[in-house]
Amino acid sequence: MKLDLHGVSVTLDGHPIVREAGLLAGDGEFVGLVGPNGCGKSTLLRTIYRALRPSAGLITVDGDDVHRLPARQAARRTAVLAQDTPPDLDFTVAEIVAMGRTPYRPDASVDEDLCARALERVGLTGAADRIFATLSGGEKQRALLARALAQQTRLLLLDEPTSHLDIRHQLQLLHLVRDLGTKQGITTVAVLHDLNQAATFCDRLYLMNAGRIVAGGPPDQVLTPDLISQVYGVRAVPRTQLVFERLKEER
């Protein structure tokens, strides 16, 4: 699944939030959106999954304008793990995950199997009968990821997917997303805050600042000390240089 953005701008309440953004995510790629708080990352992602409309530009999935697709077709192409956790409704975890099958005609046996496998992949098999509201923040995040997996789309959009997760489950989730791309060809675009994780797991990064994409490419070309200083206002040292400096100190 190929995602392509051309000149996308988003204006909210008369204020420009995203300006002329261009982005490409190819088949099976894991693409990260990084940048400081308030730079427009989540707004851009929400525009991709149709929660917002662009004021200018074009967003296509496999060549089709996402904002012209019928809702059911769009839901069969794109699954979303949004930033905001839904209200604590009185549903079991299994019922929450089964909502991912809504875009398809019901087939109880197929749906049940897909949902069970999705729960297994996020490590929540034993929680299927628990009420969603009783889960911890991290468990809720994993249940919602299972719902997205059960939707069986070729494009996955994740907004800060590692929030509320401990480090073990953060790494498990990121490894899972990598595997979805390499083994199943699923394309993922994720808003990420941890630059080390973004550099480790993503094939490509887009760095945003003040509503604009200021750099895009492989992680080592985007997360340079100069760009990080320019965008985040902090000094960064590449790992290779840090290791070298530590070796010099030990001698």
Protein backbone atom coordinates (compact mmCIF):
# COMPACT_ATOMS: atom_id res chain seq x y z
CA MET A 1 0.00 0.00 0.00
CA LYS A 2 1.46 3.33 -1.07
CA LEU A 3 0.60 6.58 0.72
CA ASP A 4 1.45 9.85 -1.03
CA LEU A 5 0.94 13.42 0.18
CA HIS A 6 1.39 16.43 -2.11
CA GLY A 7 1.33 20.00 -0.79
CA VAL A 8 -1.03 19.24 2.09
CA SER A 9 -2.04 22.21 4.23
CA VAL A 10 -4.46 22.21 7.15
CA THR A 11 -6.14 25.29 8.62
CA LEU A 12 -8.12 25.12 11.88
CA ASP A 13 -10.23 28.04 13.14
CA GLY A 14 -8.48 30.29 10.69
CA HIS A 15 -4.99 29.30 11.86
CA PRO A 16 -2.58 27.42 9.57
CA ILE A 17 -1.43 24.26 11.39
CA VAL A 18 0.20 22.28 8.57
CA ARG A 19 1.81 23.96 5.58
CA GLU A 20 2.46 22.31 2.21
CA ALA A 21 3.47 18.92 3.59
CA GLY A 22 4.77 16.23 1.27
CA LEU A 23 5.27 12.63 2.38
CA LEU A 24 5.75 9.24 0.79
CA ALA A 25 5.31 5.81 2.41
CA GLY A 26 5.88 2.82 0.15
CA ASP A 27 4.79 -0.80 0.39
CA GLY A 28 5.86 -2.34 3.69
CA GLU A 29 7.68 0.76 4.93
CA PHE A 30 7.66 1.94 8.52
CA VAL A 31 7.66 5.74 8.32
CA GLY A 32 7.99 7.96 11.38
CA LEU A 33 6.73 11.51 11.90
CA VAL A 34 8.89 13.27 14.48
CA GLY A 35 9.16 16.80 15.81
CA PRO A 36 8.50 18.91 18.92
CA ASN A 37 5.11 19.23 20.59
CA GLY A 38 2.66 21.37 18.66
CA CYS A 39 4.48 21.15 15.33
CA GLY A 40 1.50 19.60 13.50
CA LYS A 41 2.34 15.87 13.49
CA SER A 42 -0.96 14.62 14.89
CA THR A 43 -2.95 17.12 12.81
CA LEU A 44 -1.29 15.81 9.66
CA LEU A 45 -1.97 12.20 10.66
CA ARG A 46 -5.62 12.99 11.44
CA THR A 47 -5.93 14.52 7.98
CA ILE A 48 -4.60 11.33 6.42
CA TYR A 49 -7.26 9.24 8.18
CA ARG A 50 -10.03 11.71 7.31
CA ALA A 51 -10.79 13.09 10.76
CA LEU A 52 -9.82 16.47 9.26
CA ARG A 53 -9.95 17.80 5.72
CA PRO A 54 -6.98 19.52 4.11
CA SER A 55 -7.39 23.15 3.09
CA ALA A 56 -5.06 22.45 0.17
CA GLY A 57 -3.15 19.56 -1.36
CA LEU A 58 -3.84 15.91 -2.10
CA ILE A 59 -3.59 12.67 -0.12
CA THR A 60 -3.70 9.43 -2.07
CA VAL A 61 -3.66 5.76 -1.11
CA ASP A 62 -2.62 3.59 -4.05
CA GLY A 63 -3.47 6.52 -6.30
CA ASP A 64 -6.98 7.20 -4.93
CA ASP A 65 -7.86 10.44 -3.16
CA VAL A 66 -8.62 9.30 0.41
CA HIS A 67 -11.15 12.08 0.94
CA ARG A 68 -13.19 10.92 -2.07
CA LEU A 69 -13.37 7.26 -1.06
CA PRO A 70 -16.63 5.92 0.43
CA ALA A 71 -16.29 5.43 4.18
CA ARG A 72 -16.40 1.63 4.00
CA GLN A 73 -13.71 1.49 1.33
CA ALA A 74 -11.51 3.87 3.28
CA ALA A 75 -11.90 1.72 6.41
CA ARG A 76 -10.85 -1.36 4.45
CA ARG A 77 -7.63 0.35 3.42
CA THR A 78 -6.58 2.22 6.57
CA ALA A 79 -6.61 1.28 10.26
CA VAL A 80 -5.90 3.82 12.98
CA LEU A 81 -4.57 3.79 16.51
CA ALA A 82 -5.45 7.31 17.60
CA GLN A 83 -3.86 9.30 20.39
CA ASP A 84 -6.99 9.71 22.47
CA THR A 85 -8.27 6.63 24.29
CA PRO A 86 -12.02 6.17 23.75
CA PRO A 87 -14.42 6.52 26.68
CA ASP A 88 -14.52 3.63 29.14
CA LEU A 89 -17.60 2.01 27.64
CA ASP A 90 -18.99 -1.21 29.05
CA PHE A 91 -17.48 -3.52 26.42
CA THR A 92 -15.22 -6.51 26.83
CA VAL A 93 -11.79 -6.49 25.25
CA ALA A 94 -12.98 -9.08 22.72
CA GLU A 95 -15.89 -6.82 21.74
CA ILE A 96 -13.56 -3.82 21.34
CA VAL A 97 -11.27 -5.83 19.05
CA ALA A 98 -14.25 -7.14 17.06
CA MET A 99 -15.14 -3.54 16.16
CA GLY A 100 -12.21 -3.71 13.76
CA ARG A 101 -14.31 -6.03 11.61
CA THR A 102 -17.08 -3.43 11.13
CA PRO A 103 -16.10 -2.52 7.53
CA TYR A 104 -16.69 -6.11 6.42
CA ARG A 105 -19.77 -8.28 6.14
CA PRO A 106 -20.09 -10.32 9.32
CA ASP A 107 -18.71 -13.83 9.26
CA ALA A 108 -18.70 -14.98 12.87
CA SER A 109 -16.20 -17.83 12.51
CA VAL A 110 -13.68 -15.81 10.44
CA ASP A 111 -14.05 -12.71 12.61
CA GLU A 112 -13.60 -14.67 15.84
CA ASP A 113 -10.39 -16.27 14.57
CA LEU A 114 -8.96 -12.97 13.33
CA CYS A 115 -9.72 -11.22 16.62
CA ALA A 116 -8.20 -14.04 18.66
CA ARG A 117 -5.00 -13.86 16.60
CA ALA A 118 -4.87 -10.10 16.97
CA LEU A 119 -5.14 -10.39 20.75
CA GLU A 120 -2.42 -13.02 20.76
CA ARG A 121 -0.08 -10.77 18.78
CA VAL A 122 -0.36 -7.96 21.34
CA GLY A 123 -0.11 -10.30 24.35
CA LEU A 124 -3.70 -9.96 25.59
CA THR A 125 -5.11 -13.43 24.96
CA GLY A 126 -6.02 -13.88 28.63
CA ALA A 127 -7.81 -10.52 28.76
CA ALA A 128 -10.47 -11.18 26.11
CA ASP A 129 -13.34 -11.34 28.62
CA ARG A 130 -12.23 -8.40 30.75
CA ILE A 131 -14.12 -5.12 30.65
CA PHE A 132 -12.13 -2.52 28.68
CA ALA A 133 -12.57 0.09 31.43
CA THR A 134 -10.73 -2.12 33.94
CA LEU A 135 -7.53 -2.27 31.88
CA SER A 136 -4.43 -0.23 32.60
CA GLY A 137 -3.46 2.51 30.15
CA GLY A 138 -0.91 0.26 28.49
CA GLU A 139 -3.35 -2.64 28.22
CA LYS A 140 -5.93 -0.36 26.63
CA GLN A 141 -3.33 0.77 24.09
CA ARG A 142 -2.56 -2.84 23.18
CA ALA A 143 -6.26 -3.72 22.92
CA LEU A 144 -6.79 -0.83 20.52
CA LEU A 145 -3.81 -1.97 18.47
CA ALA A 146 -5.39 -5.43 18.32
CA ARG A 147 -8.57 -3.81 17.00
CA ALA A 148 -6.52 -2.12 14.27
CA LEU A 149 -4.82 -5.42 13.39
CA ALA A 150 -8.18 -7.20 13.21
CA GLN A 151 -9.27 -4.65 10.62
CA GLN A 152 -6.76 -6.25 8.21
CA THR A 153 -5.85 -3.16 6.22
CA ARG A 154 -2.67 -2.55 4.23
CA LEU A 155 -2.06 0.86 5.82
CA LEU A 156 -1.66 1.42 9.55
CA LEU A 157 -1.63 4.90 11.11
CA LEU A 158 -0.39 5.19 14.68
CA ASP A 159 -0.45 8.35 16.80
CA GLU A 160 2.07 8.05 19.64
CA PRO A 161 1.53 4.27 19.87
CA THR A 162 4.05 3.75 22.68
CA SER A 163 2.42 6.19 25.11
CA HIS A 164 1.32 4.51 28.37
CA LEU A 165 3.46 1.45 27.57
CA ASP A 166 6.39 0.28 29.67
CA ILE A 167 9.70 -0.16 27.86
CA ARG A 168 9.18 -3.90 27.26
CA HIS A 169 5.82 -3.40 25.59
CA GLN A 170 7.12 -0.36 23.69
CA LEU A 171 9.79 -2.50 22.08
CA GLN A 172 7.38 -5.39 21.47
CA LEU A 173 4.97 -3.05 19.68
CA LEU A 174 7.69 -1.52 17.51
CA HIS A 175 9.09 -4.95 16.62
CA LEU A 176 5.55 -6.05 15.73
CA VAL A 177 5.09 -3.07 13.42
CA ARG A 178 8.43 -3.81 11.75
CA ASP A 179 7.35 -7.42 11.22
CA LEU A 180 4.04 -6.31 9.70
CA GLY A 181 6.03 -4.47 7.08
CA THR A 182 8.75 -7.00 6.34
CA LYS A 183 6.58 -10.13 6.49
CA GLN A 184 3.15 -8.90 5.38
CA GLY A 185 3.92 -5.76 3.38
CA ILE A 186 1.80 -3.53 5.63
CA THR A 187 2.73 0.14 5.42
CA THR A 188 2.86 2.07 8.69
CA VAL A 189 3.05 5.80 9.42
CA ALA A 190 3.53 6.62 13.10
CA VAL A 191 3.90 9.77 15.16
CA LEU A 192 6.81 9.10 17.51
CA HIS A 193 8.52 11.11 20.23
CA ASP A 194 11.45 8.88 21.15
CA LEU A 195 14.12 9.73 18.59
CA ASN A 196 16.25 6.71 19.48
CA GLN A 197 13.32 4.37 18.80
CA ALA A 198 12.46 6.24 15.61
CA ALA A 199 16.05 5.91 14.38
CA THR A 200 16.16 2.21 15.28
CA PHE A 201 12.87 0.98 13.85
CA CYS A 202 11.82 3.33 11.04
CA ASP A 203 12.84 2.99 7.40
CA ARG A 204 12.24 6.67 6.81
CA LEU A 205 11.60 9.75 8.96
CA TYR A 206 9.94 13.08 8.35
CA LEU A 207 10.92 15.86 10.74
CA MET A 208 8.33 18.58 11.32
CA ASN A 209 8.72 22.03 12.80
CA ALA A 210 6.14 24.84 13.00
CA GLY A 211 3.76 23.04 10.65
CA ARG A 212 6.30 22.29 7.94
CA ILE A 213 8.25 19.17 7.05
CA VAL A 214 11.84 20.38 7.23
CA ALA A 215 13.59 17.10 6.43
CA GLY A 216 12.76 13.64 5.13
CA GLY A 217 14.78 10.53 4.41
CA PRO A 218 16.64 7.70 6.14
CA PRO A 219 17.02 8.26 9.92
CA ASP A 220 20.75 8.98 9.75
CA GLN A 221 20.12 11.77 7.24
CA VAL A 222 17.29 13.34 9.23
CA LEU A 223 18.44 13.05 12.83
CA THR A 224 21.65 14.99 12.42
CA PRO A 225 23.06 17.09 15.28
CA ASP A 226 22.48 20.29 13.29
CA LEU A 227 18.84 19.52 12.50
CA ILE A 228 18.08 18.36 16.03
CA SER A 229 19.63 21.54 17.41
CA GLN A 230 17.66 23.66 14.93
CA VAL A 231 14.29 22.01 15.63
CA TYR A 232 14.50 20.92 19.27
CA GLY A 233 17.01 23.44 20.60
CA VAL A 234 19.20 20.75 22.20
CA ARG A 235 22.64 19.37 21.43
CA ALA A 236 22.74 15.78 20.18
CA VAL A 237 25.71 13.47 19.70
CA PRO A 238 25.58 10.53 17.25
CA ARG A 239 25.95 7.16 18.97
CA THR A 240 29.13 6.29 17.08
CA GLN A 241 30.76 9.51 18.23
CA LEU A 242 29.58 8.96 21.80
CA VAL A 243 31.06 5.46 21.88
CA PHE A 244 34.34 6.79 20.49
CA GLU A 245 34.48 9.54 23.13
CA ARG A 246 33.85 7.02 25.91
CA LEU A 247 36.64 4.78 24.61
CA LYS A 248 39.01 7.75 24.64
CA GLU A 249 38.06 8.52 28.25
CA GLU A 250 38.77 4.92 29.30
CA ARG A 251 42.29 4.91 27.85
